[in-house]
Amino acid sequence: MSNITLKTESGIHVVDFKPFMDGTDKQAVADAILTSFKNVGFVYLVNHPVPKEKIDSMFEWVGLFTHNQEFLRPILHSQRGSSTCLWKRK
């Protein structure tokens, strides 16, 4: 495990994004992210520039979508067009 991949939590690699942001080791960070996606399908990034408020907002939208699919279906349909399906068909 490199110093870019800090640890593994439940099989998901925890990758330090700081060396990418400061330019000291962009390739190693990219390689660690790619390896995690190839082996696990997910990556947990730390020291990234995304504010906590933005992340919290994203999780709220995911929860809203997954718990209210029938309510949101017409709204999403009108915004995305009829060729895009963002929900599971029953």
N, C-alpha and C. Protein backbone atom coordinates (compact mmCIF):
# COMPACT_ATOMS: atom_id res chain seq x y z
N MET A 1 0.85 -1.17 0.00
CA MET A 1 0.00 0.00 0.00
C MET A 1 0.90 1.24 0.00
N SER A 2 0.65 2.16 -0.91
CA SER A 2 1.47 3.36 -1.01
C SER A 2 1.06 4.36 0.06
N ASN A 3 1.85 5.45 0.16
CA ASN A 3 1.47 6.49 1.11
C ASN A 3 0.29 7.31 0.58
N ILE A 4 -0.11 7.09 -0.66
CA ILE A 4 -1.29 7.73 -1.24
C ILE A 4 -2.54 7.00 -0.76
N THR A 5 -2.49 5.66 -0.78
CA THR A 5 -3.58 4.85 -0.25
C THR A 5 -3.31 4.68 1.23
N LEU A 6 -4.07 5.40 2.03
CA LEU A 6 -3.79 5.47 3.46
C LEU A 6 -4.17 4.19 4.20
N LYS A 7 -5.32 3.64 3.85
CA LYS A 7 -5.80 2.42 4.49
C LYS A 7 -6.95 1.88 3.67
N THR A 8 -7.46 0.75 4.08
CA THR A 8 -8.61 0.16 3.44
C THR A 8 -9.69 -0.03 4.49
N GLU A 9 -10.87 0.53 4.21
CA GLU A 9 -12.02 0.40 5.10
C GLU A 9 -13.06 -0.47 4.41
N SER A 10 -13.35 -1.62 4.95
CA SER A 10 -14.35 -2.53 4.39
C SER A 10 -14.06 -2.84 2.92
N GLY A 11 -12.80 -2.94 2.57
CA GLY A 11 -12.41 -3.25 1.19
C GLY A 11 -12.28 -2.04 0.30
N ILE A 12 -12.71 -0.87 0.75
CA ILE A 12 -12.64 0.35 -0.06
C ILE A 12 -11.36 1.10 0.30
N HIS A 13 -10.58 1.46 -0.70
CA HIS A 13 -9.32 2.16 -0.47
C HIS A 13 -9.58 3.61 -0.08
N VAL A 14 -8.89 4.06 0.96
CA VAL A 14 -8.93 5.47 1.37
C VAL A 14 -7.72 6.14 0.74
N VAL A 15 -7.97 7.05 -0.20
CA VAL A 15 -6.91 7.67 -0.99
C VAL A 15 -6.76 9.14 -0.61
N ASP A 16 -5.54 9.55 -0.34
CA ASP A 16 -5.22 10.94 -0.02
C ASP A 16 -5.11 11.74 -1.33
N PHE A 17 -6.00 12.71 -1.49
CA PHE A 17 -6.05 13.51 -2.72
C PHE A 17 -5.11 14.71 -2.68
N LYS A 18 -4.52 15.01 -1.52
CA LYS A 18 -3.66 16.19 -1.38
C LYS A 18 -2.49 16.20 -2.35
N PRO A 19 -1.77 15.09 -2.54
CA PRO A 19 -0.65 15.13 -3.49
C PRO A 19 -1.08 15.44 -4.93
N PHE A 20 -2.32 15.16 -5.26
CA PHE A 20 -2.83 15.55 -6.58
C PHE A 20 -3.05 17.05 -6.61
N MET A 21 -3.70 17.57 -5.56
CA MET A 21 -4.03 19.00 -5.51
C MET A 21 -2.79 19.88 -5.47
N ASP A 22 -1.77 19.47 -4.71
CA ASP A 22 -0.58 20.32 -4.61
C ASP A 22 0.45 20.01 -5.70
N GLY A 23 0.15 19.00 -6.54
CA GLY A 23 1.01 18.69 -7.68
C GLY A 23 2.23 17.86 -7.37
N THR A 24 2.38 17.37 -6.14
CA THR A 24 3.59 16.63 -5.79
C THR A 24 3.60 15.20 -6.32
N ASP A 25 2.41 14.60 -6.53
CA ASP A 25 2.39 13.21 -7.02
C ASP A 25 1.05 12.88 -7.68
N LYS A 26 0.72 13.62 -8.72
CA LYS A 26 -0.56 13.44 -9.40
C LYS A 26 -0.73 12.03 -9.95
N GLN A 27 0.33 11.48 -10.53
CA GLN A 27 0.24 10.16 -11.13
C GLN A 27 -0.05 9.07 -10.11
N ALA A 28 0.59 9.16 -8.95
CA ALA A 28 0.36 8.14 -7.91
C ALA A 28 -1.08 8.20 -7.41
N VAL A 29 -1.63 9.40 -7.26
CA VAL A 29 -3.02 9.53 -6.83
C VAL A 29 -3.95 8.96 -7.89
N ALA A 30 -3.70 9.31 -9.15
CA ALA A 30 -4.53 8.79 -10.25
C ALA A 30 -4.46 7.27 -10.30
N ASP A 31 -3.26 6.72 -10.13
CA ASP A 31 -3.10 5.26 -10.13
C ASP A 31 -3.86 4.60 -8.97
N ALA A 32 -3.79 5.22 -7.79
CA ALA A 32 -4.48 4.66 -6.62
C ALA A 32 -5.99 4.68 -6.82
N ILE A 33 -6.50 5.78 -7.39
CA ILE A 33 -7.94 5.87 -7.65
C ILE A 33 -8.36 4.82 -8.67
N LEU A 34 -7.61 4.71 -9.75
CA LEU A 34 -7.92 3.72 -10.79
C LEU A 34 -7.88 2.30 -10.22
N THR A 35 -6.87 1.99 -9.43
CA THR A 35 -6.76 0.66 -8.83
C THR A 35 -7.97 0.36 -7.95
N SER A 36 -8.38 1.34 -7.16
CA SER A 36 -9.55 1.13 -6.29
C SER A 36 -10.81 0.91 -7.12
N PHE A 37 -11.00 1.70 -8.16
CA PHE A 37 -12.18 1.51 -9.01
C PHE A 37 -12.15 0.15 -9.71
N LYS A 38 -10.99 -0.27 -10.17
CA LYS A 38 -10.88 -1.57 -10.85
C LYS A 38 -11.13 -2.73 -9.90
N ASN A 39 -10.58 -2.64 -8.68
CA ASN A 39 -10.64 -3.76 -7.75
C ASN A 39 -11.90 -3.78 -6.89
N VAL A 40 -12.43 -2.60 -6.56
CA VAL A 40 -13.53 -2.53 -5.62
C VAL A 40 -14.77 -1.88 -6.24
N GLY A 41 -14.54 -0.90 -7.11
CA GLY A 41 -15.65 -0.17 -7.71
C GLY A 41 -15.94 1.14 -7.01
N PHE A 42 -15.25 1.42 -5.92
CA PHE A 42 -15.43 2.65 -5.16
C PHE A 42 -14.08 3.14 -4.68
N VAL A 43 -14.04 4.41 -4.30
CA VAL A 43 -12.85 4.98 -3.67
C VAL A 43 -13.34 6.00 -2.64
N TYR A 44 -12.63 6.09 -1.55
CA TYR A 44 -12.93 7.08 -0.51
C TYR A 44 -11.79 8.10 -0.54
N LEU A 45 -12.09 9.33 -0.98
CA LEU A 45 -11.07 10.37 -1.07
C LEU A 45 -11.05 11.21 0.20
N VAL A 46 -9.85 11.49 0.70
CA VAL A 46 -9.66 12.42 1.81
C VAL A 46 -8.77 13.56 1.32
N ASN A 47 -8.84 14.67 2.00
CA ASN A 47 -8.06 15.87 1.65
C ASN A 47 -8.37 16.38 0.24
N HIS A 48 -9.65 16.34 -0.12
CA HIS A 48 -10.10 16.87 -1.41
C HIS A 48 -10.71 18.25 -1.19
N PRO A 49 -10.93 19.04 -2.26
CA PRO A 49 -11.43 20.40 -2.09
C PRO A 49 -12.96 20.53 -2.02
N VAL A 50 -13.69 19.44 -2.04
CA VAL A 50 -15.15 19.52 -2.04
C VAL A 50 -15.62 19.84 -0.62
N PRO A 51 -16.35 20.95 -0.44
CA PRO A 51 -16.80 21.32 0.90
C PRO A 51 -17.81 20.32 1.47
N LYS A 52 -17.77 20.17 2.78
CA LYS A 52 -18.69 19.23 3.45
C LYS A 52 -20.14 19.57 3.16
N GLU A 53 -20.47 20.85 3.07
CA GLU A 53 -21.84 21.26 2.78
C GLU A 53 -22.32 20.72 1.43
N LYS A 54 -21.44 20.72 0.45
CA LYS A 54 -21.78 20.21 -0.89
C LYS A 54 -22.01 18.71 -0.83
N ILE A 55 -21.18 18.00 -0.08
CA ILE A 55 -21.33 16.55 0.06
C ILE A 55 -22.63 16.23 0.79
N ASP A 56 -22.90 16.95 1.87
CA ASP A 56 -24.14 16.74 2.61
C ASP A 56 -25.36 16.98 1.72
N SER A 57 -25.31 18.02 0.91
CA SER A 57 -26.40 18.33 0.00
C SER A 57 -26.62 17.20 -1.02
N MET A 58 -25.53 16.64 -1.52
CA MET A 58 -25.63 15.54 -2.47
C MET A 58 -26.32 14.33 -1.84
N PHE A 59 -25.95 14.01 -0.60
CA PHE A 59 -26.58 12.88 0.08
C PHE A 59 -28.06 13.14 0.35
N GLU A 60 -28.41 14.39 0.63
CA GLU A 60 -29.81 14.73 0.79
C GLU A 60 -30.59 14.48 -0.50
N TRP A 61 -30.02 14.89 -1.64
CA TRP A 61 -30.68 14.67 -2.94
C TRP A 61 -30.81 13.19 -3.25
N VAL A 62 -29.77 12.42 -2.94
CA VAL A 62 -29.83 10.97 -3.17
C VAL A 62 -30.95 10.37 -2.33
N GLY A 63 -31.05 10.78 -1.07
CA GLY A 63 -32.10 10.27 -0.20
C GLY A 63 -33.48 10.68 -0.70
N LEU A 64 -33.60 11.92 -1.13
CA LEU A 64 -34.87 12.40 -1.68
C LEU A 64 -35.27 11.59 -2.90
N PHE A 65 -34.32 11.35 -3.77
CA PHE A 65 -34.61 10.61 -5.00
C PHE A 65 -35.00 9.16 -4.70
N THR A 66 -34.23 8.51 -3.85
CA THR A 66 -34.48 7.08 -3.61
C THR A 66 -35.74 6.84 -2.80
N HIS A 67 -36.18 7.82 -2.02
CA HIS A 67 -37.37 7.64 -1.20
C HIS A 67 -38.63 8.22 -1.84
N ASN A 68 -38.47 8.98 -2.90
CA ASN A 68 -39.62 9.66 -3.51
C ASN A 68 -39.61 9.52 -5.03
N GLN A 69 -39.31 8.36 -5.54
CA GLN A 69 -39.19 8.18 -6.98
C GLN A 69 -40.48 8.51 -7.72
N GLU A 70 -41.60 8.07 -7.21
CA GLU A 70 -42.86 8.31 -7.91
C GLU A 70 -43.19 9.80 -7.97
N PHE A 71 -42.89 10.53 -6.89
CA PHE A 71 -43.14 11.96 -6.84
C PHE A 71 -42.22 12.71 -7.81
N LEU A 72 -40.95 12.30 -7.86
CA LEU A 72 -39.96 13.01 -8.66
C LEU A 72 -39.98 12.63 -10.14
N ARG A 73 -40.57 11.51 -10.47
CA ARG A 73 -40.55 11.03 -11.85
C ARG A 73 -41.01 12.08 -12.85
N PRO A 74 -42.17 12.73 -12.67
CA PRO A 74 -42.60 13.73 -13.66
C PRO A 74 -41.68 14.94 -13.71
N ILE A 75 -41.12 15.31 -12.56
CA ILE A 75 -40.21 16.46 -12.53
C ILE A 75 -38.94 16.15 -13.32
N LEU A 76 -38.34 15.00 -13.04
CA LEU A 76 -37.13 14.61 -13.75
C LEU A 76 -37.40 14.39 -15.23
N HIS A 77 -38.53 13.82 -15.52
CA HIS A 77 -38.90 13.56 -16.91
C HIS A 77 -38.99 14.87 -17.69
N SER A 78 -39.59 15.89 -17.11
CA SER A 78 -39.75 17.16 -17.80
C SER A 78 -38.42 17.89 -17.93
N GLN A 79 -37.49 17.68 -17.01
CA GLN A 79 -36.21 18.36 -17.06
C GLN A 79 -35.21 17.65 -17.96
N ARG A 80 -35.31 16.35 -18.08
CA ARG A 80 -34.31 15.58 -18.82
C ARG A 80 -34.78 15.15 -20.21
N GLY A 81 -36.04 15.19 -20.46
CA GLY A 81 -36.54 14.73 -21.75
C GLY A 81 -36.99 13.29 -21.66
N SER A 82 -37.77 12.89 -22.61
CA SER A 82 -38.40 11.57 -22.54
C SER A 82 -37.43 10.42 -22.79
N SER A 83 -36.26 10.69 -23.34
CA SER A 83 -35.35 9.59 -23.65
C SER A 83 -34.46 9.20 -22.48
N THR A 84 -34.49 9.96 -21.39
CA THR A 84 -33.64 9.67 -20.25
C THR A 84 -34.47 9.06 -19.13
N CYS A 85 -34.00 7.93 -18.64
CA CYS A 85 -34.70 7.27 -17.54
C CYS A 85 -33.77 7.27 -16.33
N LEU A 86 -34.16 7.93 -15.25
CA LEU A 86 -33.33 8.01 -14.07
C LEU A 86 -33.88 7.20 -12.90
N TRP A 87 -34.79 6.31 -13.17
CA TRP A 87 -35.40 5.51 -12.11
C TRP A 87 -35.61 4.09 -12.61
N LYS A 88 -35.86 3.21 -11.68
CA LYS A 88 -36.11 1.82 -12.05
C LYS A 88 -37.54 1.66 -12.52
N ARG A 89 -37.72 0.87 -13.54
CA ARG A 89 -39.06 0.56 -14.01
C ARG A 89 -39.61 -0.60 -13.19
N LYS A 90 -40.90 -0.58 -12.95
CA LYS A 90 -41.52 -1.65 -12.16
C LYS A 90 -42.08 -2.71 -13.06
